[in-house]
Amino acid sequence: MTNSETVQVRILDKEYQVQCPPEEKAGLLQSAQALDERMRDVRKSGNVIGLERTAVMVALNLAYDLLKAESKASASDAGKKDLLRIDRKLSSALKTLT
């Protein structure tokens, strides 16, 4: 069985107890704080009423941000592969000249 501890987080003035490994506690607390801030921002906007709807809107925004980040990382990897391919071609061409 894995070693875990109970961590208490506060989101929109409500306490939640979450089990997590000790080495992930800092990340959990940071995530909870970011979630709390986003939910407060959505609630302040006044466009969304109710805790459940606020949570869904924040979840949608976070999912969108994640997809954008993954797409950007994928494009970056493709760019690196292209650069490596060009580098190999240039190196090969330079070897034939010498």
Protein backbone atom coordinates (compact mmCIF):
# COMPACT_ATOMS: atom_id res chain seq x y z
CA MET A 1 0.00 0.00 0.00
CA THR A 2 1.29 3.47 -0.82
CA ASN A 3 2.23 5.95 1.85
CA SER A 4 -0.22 8.86 1.83
CA GLU A 5 -1.40 11.56 4.15
CA THR A 6 -4.58 13.56 4.54
CA VAL A 7 -4.21 17.14 3.40
CA GLN A 8 -6.82 19.76 4.10
CA VAL A 9 -7.49 22.31 1.34
CA ARG A 10 -9.87 25.24 1.28
CA ILE A 11 -11.74 26.14 -1.90
CA LEU A 12 -14.40 28.86 -1.90
CA ASP A 13 -14.51 28.84 1.90
CA LYS A 14 -15.17 25.10 2.06
CA GLU A 15 -12.77 22.59 3.56
CA TYR A 16 -11.89 19.41 1.70
CA GLN A 17 -9.74 16.51 2.87
CA VAL A 18 -7.64 14.89 0.17
CA GLN A 19 -5.33 11.89 0.38
CA CYS A 20 -1.99 12.28 -1.37
CA PRO A 21 1.60 11.06 -1.13
CA PRO A 22 3.79 13.32 1.02
CA GLU A 23 6.01 14.22 -1.95
CA GLU A 24 2.96 15.58 -3.83
CA LYS A 25 1.60 17.71 -0.98
CA ALA A 26 3.15 20.97 -2.18
CA GLY A 27 1.73 20.47 -5.67
CA LEU A 28 -1.70 19.66 -4.27
CA LEU A 29 -1.72 22.80 -2.12
CA GLN A 30 -0.59 24.93 -5.05
CA SER A 31 -3.26 23.39 -7.29
CA ALA A 32 -5.96 23.99 -4.68
CA GLN A 33 -4.91 27.62 -4.35
CA ALA A 34 -4.97 28.12 -8.13
CA LEU A 35 -8.40 26.47 -8.31
CA ASP A 36 -9.72 28.66 -5.50
CA GLU A 37 -8.46 31.80 -7.28
CA ARG A 38 -10.04 30.79 -10.59
CA MET A 39 -13.35 29.92 -8.97
CA ARG A 40 -13.39 33.24 -7.13
CA ASP A 41 -12.69 35.08 -10.40
CA VAL A 42 -15.57 33.29 -12.14
CA ARG A 43 -17.87 33.96 -9.20
CA LYS A 44 -16.90 37.67 -9.16
CA SER A 45 -17.71 38.01 -12.84
CA GLY A 46 -21.38 37.48 -11.92
CA ASN A 47 -22.04 35.57 -15.16
CA VAL A 48 -22.24 32.17 -13.48
CA ILE A 49 -24.55 31.37 -10.59
CA GLY A 50 -24.11 28.38 -8.32
CA LEU A 51 -21.14 26.43 -7.06
CA GLU A 52 -21.61 23.52 -9.46
CA ARG A 53 -21.83 25.76 -12.53
CA THR A 54 -18.80 27.72 -11.35
CA ALA A 55 -16.82 24.51 -10.94
CA VAL A 56 -17.85 23.33 -14.42
CA MET A 57 -16.83 26.65 -16.01
CA VAL A 58 -13.45 26.54 -14.28
CA ALA A 59 -12.98 22.89 -15.31
CA LEU A 60 -13.74 23.80 -18.92
CA ASN A 61 -11.25 26.67 -18.81
CA LEU A 62 -8.57 24.45 -17.28
CA ALA A 63 -9.20 21.71 -19.87
CA TYR A 64 -8.90 24.29 -22.65
CA ASP A 65 -5.64 25.63 -21.18
CA LEU A 66 -4.28 22.08 -20.95
CA LEU A 67 -5.17 21.31 -24.57
CA LYS A 68 -3.49 24.54 -25.72
CA ALA A 69 -0.34 23.70 -23.75
CA GLU A 70 -0.26 20.15 -25.13
CA SER A 71 -0.72 21.44 -28.68
CA LYS A 72 2.05 23.98 -28.20
CA ALA A 73 4.40 21.30 -26.81
CA SER A 74 3.58 19.01 -29.72
CA ALA A 75 4.29 21.77 -32.25
CA SER A 76 7.55 22.51 -30.47
CA ASP A 77 8.58 18.84 -30.68
CA ALA A 78 7.75 18.79 -34.40
CA GLY A 79 9.85 21.91 -34.90
CA LYS A 80 12.79 20.32 -33.10
CA LYS A 81 12.51 17.21 -35.29
CA ASP A 82 12.53 19.39 -38.41
CA LEU A 83 15.63 21.22 -37.19
CA LEU A 84 17.41 17.95 -36.45
CA ARG A 85 16.51 16.63 -39.92
CA ILE A 86 17.85 19.81 -41.56
CA ASP A 87 21.00 19.64 -39.42
CA ARG A 88 21.63 16.05 -40.55
CA LYS A 89 21.17 17.03 -44.20
CA LEU A 90 23.52 20.00 -43.84
CA SER A 91 26.13 17.88 -42.07
CA SER A 92 25.89 15.24 -44.79
CA ALA A 93 26.18 17.85 -47.53
CA LEU A 94 29.21 19.45 -45.84
CA LYS A 95 30.93 16.06 -45.55
CA THR A 96 30.61 15.51 -49.30
CA LEU A 97 32.28 18.89 -49.94
CA THR A 98 35.38 18.12 -47.87
